[in-house]
Amino acid sequence: LSKIPCGVVAPEVTMPVVPLFVDRYFIHWYKADVKGKSCEDHCIPQHSNRICVTTLTESHPVLQSGKTIKSIPCQISTNCSRLQNKVSGKCKRGAQFLTELAPLCKIYCSDGEAYTVSSCVRGCSMEVIENILHKPSILQEKPSTEGYIAVELPKFEESKNITEGLLTQKQYEEVMVKMTDCRT
């Protein structure tokens, strides 16, 4: 810059944008209106090793401005808590088996609204992320990175079929354009 004559504006140097880890190594699948509830959309990033992660989409009511998360309990029923999931070994012994509609947790907001987050894929629950239980705001601040909800591992023989019923990113964007009720 010191060799540029006075009065001449130096060209701006732009750094290349490096995509996030989840954008580089995961294929994003979407489930719109989970369990028929309008706008309660989920995103399921899937790694090449079959592992799936459950997150909320930007259009989900919990991520809309003005919402404050009060609590996120993982107690599904009296006998079932996602936090009691203890996975061990190569065969993932102790993992809870989940269906597409299995609840992972419930999100309670300060305005009295409650939202159930479902698995959206069949497989074993590897973990429910405890970060969001201790600091629920991370779910809103970083929903696609640190604020993910759970990690699931589909059965090997079913891994090619788990995307049936899910939308690609392009298909989901088309759905968002058509639906204007909550997708702004």
N, C-alpha and C. Protein backbone atom coordinates (compact mmCIF):
# COMPACT_ATOMS: atom_id res chain seq x y z
N LEU A 1 0.81 -1.20 0.00
CA LEU A 1 0.00 0.00 0.00
C LEU A 1 0.85 1.26 0.00
N SER A 2 2.07 1.19 0.52
CA SER A 2 2.90 2.38 0.59
C SER A 2 3.36 2.85 -0.79
N LYS A 3 3.31 2.01 -1.81
CA LYS A 3 3.75 2.38 -3.16
C LYS A 3 2.62 2.95 -4.00
N ILE A 4 1.41 3.01 -3.47
CA ILE A 4 0.28 3.56 -4.20
C ILE A 4 0.33 5.08 -4.06
N PRO A 5 0.28 5.80 -5.19
CA PRO A 5 0.36 7.26 -5.14
C PRO A 5 -0.78 7.86 -4.33
N CYS A 6 -0.53 8.99 -3.75
CA CYS A 6 -1.51 9.70 -2.94
C CYS A 6 -2.75 10.01 -3.77
N GLY A 7 -3.94 9.78 -3.19
CA GLY A 7 -5.19 10.06 -3.88
C GLY A 7 -5.72 8.89 -4.68
N VAL A 8 -4.94 7.85 -4.86
CA VAL A 8 -5.40 6.66 -5.59
C VAL A 8 -5.91 5.65 -4.56
N VAL A 9 -7.07 5.14 -4.80
CA VAL A 9 -7.68 4.17 -3.89
C VAL A 9 -7.12 2.78 -4.19
N ALA A 10 -6.68 2.12 -3.14
CA ALA A 10 -6.13 0.77 -3.29
C ALA A 10 -7.27 -0.22 -3.57
N PRO A 11 -7.02 -1.18 -4.43
CA PRO A 11 -8.06 -2.18 -4.71
C PRO A 11 -8.34 -3.01 -3.45
N GLU A 12 -9.61 -3.35 -3.27
CA GLU A 12 -9.97 -4.15 -2.10
C GLU A 12 -9.55 -5.60 -2.32
N VAL A 13 -9.00 -6.16 -1.29
CA VAL A 13 -8.61 -7.57 -1.33
C VAL A 13 -9.70 -8.35 -0.64
N THR A 14 -10.31 -9.27 -1.36
CA THR A 14 -11.37 -10.08 -0.77
C THR A 14 -10.84 -11.47 -0.49
N MET A 15 -11.17 -11.94 0.67
CA MET A 15 -10.77 -13.29 1.07
C MET A 15 -11.83 -14.26 0.59
N PRO A 16 -11.42 -15.42 0.11
CA PRO A 16 -12.42 -16.40 -0.32
C PRO A 16 -13.24 -16.87 0.88
N VAL A 17 -14.53 -17.08 0.65
CA VAL A 17 -15.42 -17.54 1.71
C VAL A 17 -15.29 -19.06 1.82
N VAL A 18 -14.91 -19.52 2.98
CA VAL A 18 -14.77 -20.95 3.22
C VAL A 18 -16.09 -21.46 3.76
N PRO A 19 -16.69 -22.48 3.11
CA PRO A 19 -17.97 -22.99 3.60
C PRO A 19 -17.82 -23.63 4.98
N LEU A 20 -18.90 -23.61 5.74
CA LEU A 20 -18.92 -24.24 7.05
C LEU A 20 -18.68 -25.74 6.91
N PHE A 21 -18.23 -26.35 7.98
CA PHE A 21 -17.99 -27.79 8.01
C PHE A 21 -19.23 -28.57 7.56
N VAL A 22 -20.41 -28.18 8.10
CA VAL A 22 -21.64 -28.90 7.75
C VAL A 22 -22.00 -28.72 6.29
N ASP A 23 -21.60 -27.62 5.69
CA ASP A 23 -21.89 -27.41 4.27
C ASP A 23 -20.93 -28.20 3.38
N ARG A 24 -19.72 -28.42 3.85
CA ARG A 24 -18.73 -29.15 3.06
C ARG A 24 -18.93 -30.66 3.10
N TYR A 25 -19.27 -31.21 4.25
CA TYR A 25 -19.25 -32.65 4.42
C TYR A 25 -20.62 -33.31 4.59
N PHE A 26 -21.68 -32.53 4.57
CA PHE A 26 -23.01 -33.07 4.77
C PHE A 26 -23.94 -32.71 3.61
N ILE A 27 -24.81 -33.64 3.26
CA ILE A 27 -25.90 -33.37 2.32
C ILE A 27 -27.10 -33.00 3.17
N HIS A 28 -27.74 -31.90 2.85
CA HIS A 28 -28.87 -31.44 3.65
C HIS A 28 -30.19 -31.96 3.08
N TRP A 29 -30.96 -32.62 3.95
CA TRP A 29 -32.29 -33.11 3.63
C TRP A 29 -33.27 -32.35 4.51
N TYR A 30 -34.50 -32.22 4.04
CA TYR A 30 -35.49 -31.44 4.76
C TYR A 30 -36.80 -32.18 4.90
N LYS A 31 -37.48 -31.92 6.02
CA LYS A 31 -38.83 -32.42 6.24
C LYS A 31 -39.68 -31.21 6.57
N ALA A 32 -40.60 -30.90 5.66
CA ALA A 32 -41.48 -29.74 5.85
C ALA A 32 -42.73 -30.16 6.62
N ASP A 33 -43.23 -29.27 7.46
CA ASP A 33 -44.46 -29.48 8.22
C ASP A 33 -44.48 -30.84 8.91
N VAL A 34 -43.50 -31.06 9.78
CA VAL A 34 -43.38 -32.34 10.49
C VAL A 34 -44.66 -32.62 11.27
N LYS A 35 -45.15 -33.83 11.13
CA LYS A 35 -46.40 -34.30 11.75
C LYS A 35 -47.59 -33.40 11.40
N GLY A 36 -47.54 -32.79 10.22
CA GLY A 36 -48.65 -31.97 9.74
C GLY A 36 -48.74 -30.60 10.38
N LYS A 37 -47.73 -30.22 11.16
CA LYS A 37 -47.76 -28.91 11.82
C LYS A 37 -47.08 -27.88 10.93
N SER A 38 -47.86 -26.91 10.50
CA SER A 38 -47.38 -25.88 9.58
C SER A 38 -46.15 -25.16 10.13
N CYS A 39 -45.17 -25.01 9.28
CA CYS A 39 -43.93 -24.27 9.55
C CYS A 39 -42.93 -25.00 10.44
N GLU A 40 -43.30 -26.11 11.05
CA GLU A 40 -42.38 -26.83 11.92
C GLU A 40 -41.50 -27.75 11.07
N ASP A 41 -40.56 -27.12 10.38
CA ASP A 41 -39.68 -27.82 9.44
C ASP A 41 -38.38 -28.21 10.13
N HIS A 42 -37.85 -29.38 9.73
CA HIS A 42 -36.59 -29.87 10.27
C HIS A 42 -35.59 -30.05 9.13
N CYS A 43 -34.33 -29.89 9.44
CA CYS A 43 -33.25 -30.15 8.49
C CYS A 43 -32.46 -31.34 9.02
N ILE A 44 -32.12 -32.26 8.13
CA ILE A 44 -31.37 -33.45 8.51
C ILE A 44 -30.10 -33.52 7.65
N PRO A 45 -29.02 -32.92 8.12
CA PRO A 45 -27.75 -33.06 7.40
C PRO A 45 -27.26 -34.51 7.54
N GLN A 46 -26.83 -35.09 6.43
CA GLN A 46 -26.36 -36.49 6.44
C GLN A 46 -24.92 -36.52 5.94
N HIS A 47 -24.06 -37.13 6.74
CA HIS A 47 -22.64 -37.28 6.41
C HIS A 47 -22.48 -38.49 5.50
N SER A 48 -21.38 -38.56 4.77
CA SER A 48 -21.13 -39.69 3.87
C SER A 48 -21.00 -41.01 4.62
N ASN A 49 -20.75 -40.96 5.93
CA ASN A 49 -20.65 -42.19 6.73
C ASN A 49 -22.00 -42.63 7.29
N ARG A 50 -23.11 -42.09 6.80
CA ARG A 50 -24.49 -42.39 7.15
C ARG A 50 -25.02 -41.60 8.34
N ILE A 51 -24.16 -41.03 9.15
CA ILE A 51 -24.63 -40.34 10.34
C ILE A 51 -25.50 -39.15 9.94
N CYS A 52 -26.62 -39.00 10.64
CA CYS A 52 -27.55 -37.90 10.41
C CYS A 52 -27.64 -37.03 11.66
N VAL A 53 -27.87 -35.77 11.45
CA VAL A 53 -28.00 -34.81 12.53
C VAL A 53 -29.36 -34.14 12.38
N THR A 54 -30.05 -33.91 13.47
CA THR A 54 -31.34 -33.24 13.41
C THR A 54 -31.18 -31.80 13.87
N THR A 55 -31.62 -30.88 13.02
CA THR A 55 -31.60 -29.45 13.34
C THR A 55 -32.94 -28.83 12.95
N LEU A 56 -33.14 -27.60 13.32
CA LEU A 56 -34.34 -26.87 12.91
C LEU A 56 -33.99 -25.99 11.71
N THR A 57 -34.96 -25.78 10.84
CA THR A 57 -34.74 -24.89 9.70
C THR A 57 -34.96 -23.45 10.15
N GLU A 58 -34.50 -22.52 9.34
CA GLU A 58 -34.64 -21.10 9.66
C GLU A 58 -36.10 -20.66 9.75
N SER A 59 -37.00 -21.39 9.07
CA SER A 59 -38.41 -21.01 9.09
C SER A 59 -39.17 -21.56 10.29
N HIS A 60 -38.53 -22.38 11.12
CA HIS A 60 -39.19 -22.96 12.29
C HIS A 60 -39.58 -21.84 13.26
N PRO A 61 -40.77 -21.92 13.85
CA PRO A 61 -41.24 -20.86 14.76
C PRO A 61 -40.29 -20.57 15.92
N VAL A 62 -39.56 -21.55 16.41
CA VAL A 62 -38.63 -21.34 17.52
C VAL A 62 -37.52 -20.38 17.14
N LEU A 63 -37.16 -20.37 15.85
CA LEU A 63 -36.06 -19.52 15.40
C LEU A 63 -36.52 -18.14 14.92
N GLN A 64 -37.81 -17.88 14.99
CA GLN A 64 -38.32 -16.59 14.58
C GLN A 64 -38.04 -15.55 15.66
N SER A 65 -37.91 -14.31 15.26
CA SER A 65 -37.58 -13.25 16.22
C SER A 65 -38.68 -13.11 17.26
N GLY A 66 -38.25 -12.78 18.45
CA GLY A 66 -39.20 -12.59 19.54
C GLY A 66 -39.43 -13.83 20.38
N LYS A 67 -39.00 -14.98 19.93
CA LYS A 67 -39.18 -16.21 20.70
C LYS A 67 -38.04 -16.36 21.70
N THR A 68 -38.38 -16.78 22.90
CA THR A 68 -37.38 -17.09 23.91
C THR A 68 -37.64 -18.51 24.39
N ILE A 69 -36.61 -19.33 24.36
CA ILE A 69 -36.75 -20.72 24.80
C ILE A 69 -36.67 -20.77 26.32
N LYS A 70 -37.67 -21.39 26.90
CA LYS A 70 -37.74 -21.52 28.35
C LYS A 70 -37.03 -22.80 28.81
N SER A 71 -37.34 -23.92 28.15
CA SER A 71 -36.71 -25.20 28.51
C SER A 71 -36.80 -26.18 27.35
N ILE A 72 -35.92 -27.19 27.41
CA ILE A 72 -35.91 -28.24 26.39
C ILE A 72 -35.77 -29.60 27.09
N PRO A 73 -36.87 -30.12 27.60
CA PRO A 73 -36.78 -31.43 28.26
C PRO A 73 -36.70 -32.58 27.23
N CYS A 74 -35.94 -33.59 27.58
CA CYS A 74 -35.79 -34.77 26.72
C CYS A 74 -36.50 -35.98 27.31
N GLN A 75 -37.34 -35.75 28.31
CA GLN A 75 -38.13 -36.82 28.93
C GLN A 75 -39.35 -37.03 28.05
N ILE A 76 -39.35 -38.10 27.27
CA ILE A 76 -40.42 -38.35 26.30
C ILE A 76 -41.66 -38.92 26.98
N SER A 77 -41.46 -39.84 27.90
CA SER A 77 -42.54 -40.43 28.68
C SER A 77 -41.97 -40.79 30.05
N THR A 78 -42.79 -41.38 30.90
CA THR A 78 -42.30 -41.74 32.23
C THR A 78 -41.13 -42.72 32.18
N ASN A 79 -41.12 -43.58 31.18
CA ASN A 79 -40.08 -44.59 31.08
C ASN A 79 -39.02 -44.29 30.02
N CYS A 80 -39.12 -43.17 29.34
CA CYS A 80 -38.20 -42.90 28.25
C CYS A 80 -37.65 -41.48 28.30
N SER A 81 -36.34 -41.41 28.46
CA SER A 81 -35.63 -40.14 28.40
C SER A 81 -34.51 -40.28 27.39
N ARG A 82 -34.40 -39.34 26.47
CA ARG A 82 -33.33 -39.40 25.47
C ARG A 82 -31.95 -39.20 26.11
N LEU A 83 -31.92 -38.64 27.30
CA LEU A 83 -30.64 -38.44 27.99
C LEU A 83 -30.11 -39.74 28.61
N GLN A 84 -30.97 -40.74 28.77
CA GLN A 84 -30.54 -42.02 29.33
C GLN A 84 -29.95 -42.93 28.26
N ASN A 85 -29.83 -42.44 27.06
CA ASN A 85 -29.27 -43.19 25.95
C ASN A 85 -27.76 -43.37 26.17
N LYS A 86 -27.33 -44.59 26.42
CA LYS A 86 -25.91 -44.88 26.66
C LYS A 86 -25.42 -45.82 25.58
N VAL A 87 -24.69 -45.28 24.61
CA VAL A 87 -24.22 -46.04 23.46
C VAL A 87 -22.79 -46.50 23.73
N SER A 88 -22.52 -47.77 23.39
CA SER A 88 -21.15 -48.26 23.57
C SER A 88 -20.82 -49.30 22.51
N GLY A 89 -19.55 -49.37 22.18
CA GLY A 89 -19.04 -50.42 21.28
C GLY A 89 -19.33 -50.20 19.82
N LYS A 90 -18.75 -51.11 19.04
CA LYS A 90 -18.86 -51.06 17.58
C LYS A 90 -20.30 -51.24 17.10
N CYS A 91 -21.03 -52.08 17.80
CA CYS A 91 -22.43 -52.36 17.40
C CYS A 91 -23.41 -51.37 18.00
N LYS A 92 -22.91 -50.35 18.67
CA LYS A 92 -23.73 -49.28 19.26
C LYS A 92 -24.77 -49.83 20.23
N ARG A 93 -24.34 -50.74 21.09
CA ARG A 93 -25.23 -51.32 22.11
C ARG A 93 -25.77 -50.22 23.02
N GLY A 94 -27.00 -50.40 23.41
CA GLY A 94 -27.64 -49.45 24.32
C GLY A 94 -28.30 -48.27 23.64
N ALA A 95 -28.11 -48.13 22.35
CA ALA A 95 -28.72 -46.99 21.64
C ALA A 95 -30.22 -47.18 21.52
N GLN A 96 -30.96 -46.12 21.70
CA GLN A 96 -32.41 -46.17 21.53
C GLN A 96 -32.72 -46.15 20.04
N PHE A 97 -33.65 -47.04 19.61
CA PHE A 97 -34.03 -47.06 18.20
C PHE A 97 -35.14 -46.04 17.98
N LEU A 98 -35.01 -45.27 16.92
CA LEU A 98 -35.97 -44.21 16.61
C LEU A 98 -36.66 -44.47 15.28
N THR A 99 -37.93 -44.16 15.20
CA THR A 99 -38.63 -44.17 13.92
C THR A 99 -38.64 -42.74 13.40
N GLU A 100 -39.21 -42.55 12.21
CA GLU A 100 -39.23 -41.22 11.61
C GLU A 100 -39.98 -40.20 12.45
N LEU A 101 -41.00 -40.63 13.17
CA LEU A 101 -41.83 -39.71 13.95
C LEU A 101 -41.51 -39.72 15.44
N ALA A 102 -40.45 -40.41 15.84
CA ALA A 102 -40.09 -40.48 17.26
C ALA A 102 -39.69 -39.11 17.79
N PRO A 103 -40.27 -38.70 18.91
CA PRO A 103 -39.88 -37.41 19.47
C PRO A 103 -38.49 -37.46 20.09
N LEU A 104 -37.72 -36.40 19.87
CA LEU A 104 -36.38 -36.30 20.45
C LEU A 104 -36.41 -35.43 21.71
N CYS A 105 -37.17 -34.35 21.64
CA CYS A 105 -37.30 -33.45 22.77
C CYS A 105 -38.50 -32.54 22.52
N LYS A 106 -38.81 -31.75 23.50
CA LYS A 106 -39.88 -30.77 23.37
C LYS A 106 -39.27 -29.42 23.72
N ILE A 107 -39.61 -28.40 22.95
CA ILE A 107 -39.09 -27.06 23.20
C ILE A 107 -40.24 -26.19 23.70
N TYR A 108 -40.07 -25.68 24.92
CA TYR A 108 -41.07 -24.79 25.52
C TYR A 108 -40.56 -23.36 25.42
N CYS A 109 -41.41 -22.48 24.89
CA CYS A 109 -41.05 -21.08 24.76
C CYS A 109 -41.74 -20.26 25.84
N SER A 110 -41.21 -19.09 26.11
CA SER A 110 -41.75 -18.23 27.17
C SER A 110 -43.15 -17.70 26.85
N ASP A 111 -43.55 -17.74 25.57
CA ASP A 111 -44.90 -17.28 25.20
C ASP A 111 -45.95 -18.37 25.39
N GLY A 112 -45.56 -19.53 25.95
CA GLY A 112 -46.49 -20.61 26.21
C GLY A 112 -46.56 -21.66 25.12
N GLU A 113 -45.97 -21.40 23.98
CA GLU A 113 -45.97 -22.36 22.87
C GLU A 113 -44.99 -23.50 23.16
N ALA A 114 -45.34 -24.69 22.65
CA ALA A 114 -44.47 -25.86 22.80
C ALA A 114 -44.33 -26.53 21.43
N TYR A 115 -43.13 -26.99 21.12
CA TYR A 115 -42.84 -27.61 19.83
C TYR A 115 -42.11 -28.92 20.07
N THR A 116 -42.58 -29.98 19.41
CA THR A 116 -41.92 -31.27 19.51
C THR A 116 -40.97 -31.43 18.34
N VAL A 117 -39.74 -31.83 18.64
CA VAL A 117 -38.75 -32.08 17.60
C VAL A 117 -38.70 -33.59 17.38
N SER A 118 -38.92 -34.01 16.14
CA SER A 118 -38.94 -35.44 15.80
C SER A 118 -37.66 -35.84 15.08
N SER A 119 -37.40 -37.13 15.07
CA SER A 119 -36.19 -37.66 14.47
C SER A 119 -36.16 -37.48 12.95
N CYS A 120 -37.23 -37.78 12.28
CA CYS A 120 -37.37 -37.70 10.81
C CYS A 120 -36.62 -38.81 10.06
N VAL A 121 -35.79 -39.59 10.73
CA VAL A 121 -35.12 -40.74 10.10
C VAL A 121 -35.18 -41.93 11.05
N ARG A 122 -35.20 -43.14 10.44
CA ARG A 122 -35.14 -44.37 11.24
C ARG A 122 -33.68 -44.68 11.55
N GLY A 123 -33.42 -44.99 12.80
CA GLY A 123 -32.06 -45.36 13.17
C GLY A 123 -31.85 -45.30 14.66
N CYS A 124 -30.61 -45.48 15.07
CA CYS A 124 -30.24 -45.47 16.48
C CYS A 124 -29.88 -44.06 16.91
N SER A 125 -30.36 -43.68 18.06
CA SER A 125 -30.01 -42.38 18.62
C SER A 125 -28.61 -42.48 19.20
N MET A 126 -27.69 -41.72 18.65
CA MET A 126 -26.33 -41.73 19.15
C MET A 126 -26.17 -40.80 20.34
N GLU A 127 -26.80 -39.63 20.25
CA GLU A 127 -26.76 -38.69 21.37
C GLU A 127 -27.75 -37.56 21.15
N VAL A 128 -28.21 -37.02 22.26
CA VAL A 128 -28.96 -35.77 22.25
C VAL A 128 -27.99 -34.74 22.81
N ILE A 129 -27.86 -33.65 22.16
CA ILE A 129 -26.85 -32.68 22.51
C ILE A 129 -27.23 -31.93 23.78
N GLU A 130 -26.42 -32.12 24.80
CA GLU A 130 -26.71 -31.51 26.10
C GLU A 130 -26.41 -30.02 26.14
N ASN A 131 -25.63 -29.51 25.18
CA ASN A 131 -25.34 -28.07 25.13
C ASN A 131 -26.62 -27.25 25.11
N ILE A 132 -27.59 -27.70 24.33
CA ILE A 132 -28.83 -26.93 24.19
C ILE A 132 -29.69 -27.02 25.45
N LEU A 133 -29.47 -28.05 26.26
CA LEU A 133 -30.24 -28.17 27.49
C LEU A 133 -29.75 -27.17 28.54
N HIS A 134 -28.45 -26.95 28.58
CA HIS A 134 -27.86 -26.04 29.55
C HIS A 134 -27.91 -24.59 29.07
N LYS A 135 -27.84 -24.40 27.76
CA LYS A 135 -27.89 -23.05 27.19
C LYS A 135 -28.81 -23.09 25.97
N PRO A 136 -30.14 -23.05 26.20
CA PRO A 136 -31.10 -23.16 25.09
C PRO A 136 -30.94 -22.12 23.99
N SER A 137 -30.41 -20.95 24.33
CA SER A 137 -30.27 -19.90 23.33
C SER A 137 -29.32 -20.29 22.19
N ILE A 138 -28.44 -21.25 22.43
CA ILE A 138 -27.51 -21.70 21.38
C ILE A 138 -28.28 -22.32 20.21
N LEU A 139 -29.45 -22.88 20.50
CA LEU A 139 -30.30 -23.44 19.45
C LEU A 139 -30.74 -22.35 18.48
N GLN A 140 -30.99 -21.16 18.99
CA GLN A 140 -31.41 -20.03 18.16
C GLN A 140 -30.23 -19.31 17.53
N GLU A 141 -29.13 -19.23 18.26
CA GLU A 141 -27.96 -18.50 17.77
C GLU A 141 -27.21 -19.25 16.68
N LYS A 142 -27.06 -20.56 16.84
CA LYS A 142 -26.29 -21.37 15.89
C LYS A 142 -27.01 -22.68 15.60
N PRO A 143 -28.20 -22.62 14.96
CA PRO A 143 -29.01 -23.82 14.78
C PRO A 143 -28.37 -24.90 13.90
N SER A 144 -27.56 -24.52 12.92
CA SER A 144 -27.00 -25.53 12.02
C SER A 144 -25.61 -25.99 12.42
N THR A 145 -25.03 -25.41 13.48
CA THR A 145 -23.71 -25.86 13.91
C THR A 145 -23.78 -26.38 15.34
N GLU A 146 -23.50 -25.55 16.32
CA GLU A 146 -23.48 -25.99 17.71
C GLU A 146 -24.88 -26.24 18.28
N GLY A 147 -25.91 -25.71 17.67
CA GLY A 147 -27.26 -25.83 18.18
C GLY A 147 -28.05 -26.99 17.61
N TYR A 148 -27.36 -28.00 17.11
CA TYR A 148 -28.11 -29.15 16.60
C TYR A 148 -28.69 -29.94 17.76
N ILE A 149 -29.70 -30.75 17.49
CA ILE A 149 -30.47 -31.36 18.55
C ILE A 149 -30.04 -32.79 18.85
N ALA A 150 -29.83 -33.59 17.81
CA ALA A 150 -29.48 -34.99 18.04
C ALA A 150 -28.67 -35.56 16.88
N VAL A 151 -28.03 -36.68 17.16
CA VAL A 151 -27.26 -37.40 16.15
C VAL A 151 -27.83 -38.81 16.07
N GLU A 152 -28.16 -39.24 14.85
CA GLU A 152 -28.73 -40.58 14.64
C GLU A 152 -27.89 -41.35 13.63
N LEU A 153 -27.89 -42.66 13.80
CA LEU A 153 -27.18 -43.54 12.87
C LEU A 153 -28.18 -44.53 12.28
N PRO A 154 -28.53 -44.39 10.99
CA PRO A 154 -29.45 -45.33 10.36
C PRO A 154 -28.80 -46.71 10.24
N LYS A 155 -29.64 -47.74 10.21
CA LYS A 155 -29.13 -49.09 9.99
C LYS A 155 -28.47 -49.12 8.61
N PHE A 156 -27.40 -49.90 8.49
CA PHE A 156 -26.66 -49.95 7.23
C PHE A 156 -27.56 -50.34 6.07
N GLU A 157 -28.38 -51.38 6.27
CA GLU A 157 -29.23 -51.86 5.18
C GLU A 157 -30.34 -50.87 4.82
N GLU A 158 -30.65 -49.93 5.71
CA GLU A 158 -31.69 -48.94 5.44
C GLU A 158 -31.11 -47.58 5.05
N SER A 159 -29.80 -47.45 5.07
CA SER A 159 -29.19 -46.13 4.89
C SER A 159 -29.49 -45.50 3.53
N LYS A 160 -29.69 -46.31 2.51
CA LYS A 160 -30.00 -45.75 1.19
C LYS A 160 -31.46 -45.30 1.10
N ASN A 161 -32.32 -45.84 1.96
CA ASN A 161 -33.75 -45.51 1.91
C ASN A 161 -34.17 -44.42 2.89
N ILE A 162 -33.27 -43.97 3.73
CA ILE A 162 -33.70 -43.02 4.76
C ILE A 162 -34.11 -41.67 4.20
N THR A 163 -33.68 -41.38 3.00
CA THR A 163 -34.03 -40.08 2.42
C THR A 163 -35.39 -40.09 1.73
N GLU A 164 -36.02 -41.26 1.67
CA GLU A 164 -37.38 -41.30 1.10
C GLU A 164 -38.30 -40.50 2.01
N GLY A 165 -39.07 -39.63 1.44
CA GLY A 165 -39.96 -38.78 2.22
C GLY A 165 -39.32 -37.48 2.66
N LEU A 166 -38.02 -37.33 2.39
CA LEU A 166 -37.34 -36.08 2.71
C LEU A 166 -37.11 -35.29 1.42
N LEU A 167 -36.94 -34.00 1.55
CA LEU A 167 -36.76 -33.13 0.40
C LEU A 167 -35.29 -32.73 0.25
N THR A 168 -34.86 -32.58 -1.00
CA THR A 168 -33.52 -32.04 -1.24
C THR A 168 -33.57 -30.54 -0.93
N GLN A 169 -32.43 -29.91 -0.92
CA GLN A 169 -32.41 -28.47 -0.64
C GLN A 169 -33.19 -27.69 -1.70
N LYS A 170 -33.05 -28.09 -2.97
CA LYS A 170 -33.76 -27.41 -4.05
C LYS A 170 -35.27 -27.60 -3.91
N GLN A 171 -35.70 -28.83 -3.62
CA GLN A 171 -37.14 -29.10 -3.44
C GLN A 171 -37.69 -28.30 -2.27
N TYR A 172 -36.92 -28.23 -1.19
CA TYR A 172 -37.37 -27.49 0.00
C TYR A 172 -37.49 -26.00 -0.32
N GLU A 173 -36.55 -25.46 -1.06
CA GLU A 173 -36.62 -24.05 -1.44
C GLU A 173 -37.85 -23.78 -2.28
N GLU A 174 -38.22 -24.73 -3.16
CA GLU A 174 -39.44 -24.58 -3.97
C GLU A 174 -40.68 -24.59 -3.08
N VAL A 175 -40.70 -25.44 -2.06
CA VAL A 175 -41.82 -25.49 -1.11
C VAL A 175 -41.92 -24.17 -0.37
N MET A 176 -40.79 -23.63 0.03
CA MET A 176 -40.78 -22.36 0.77
C MET A 176 -41.33 -21.21 -0.08
N VAL A 177 -41.04 -21.22 -1.38
CA VAL A 177 -41.53 -20.17 -2.26
C VAL A 177 -43.06 -20.27 -2.40
N LYS A 178 -43.58 -21.48 -2.49
CA LYS A 178 -45.03 -21.68 -2.65
C LYS A 178 -45.79 -21.36 -1.38
N MET A 179 -45.22 -21.65 -0.24
CA MET A 179 -45.91 -21.46 1.03
C MET A 179 -45.50 -20.11 1.61
N THR A 180 -46.47 -19.24 1.80
CA THR A 180 -46.15 -17.91 2.30
C THR A 180 -46.63 -17.69 3.74
N ASP A 181 -47.33 -18.66 4.33
CA ASP A 181 -47.87 -18.46 5.66
C ASP A 181 -46.82 -18.23 6.72
N CYS A 182 -45.72 -18.95 6.69
CA CYS A 182 -44.69 -18.77 7.71
C CYS A 182 -43.31 -18.64 7.11
N ARG A 183 -43.20 -18.82 5.85
CA ARG A 183 -41.88 -18.84 5.20
C ARG A 183 -41.61 -17.49 4.56
N THR A 184 -41.13 -16.57 5.38
CA THR A 184 -40.83 -15.23 4.86
C THR A 184 -39.36 -14.98 4.83
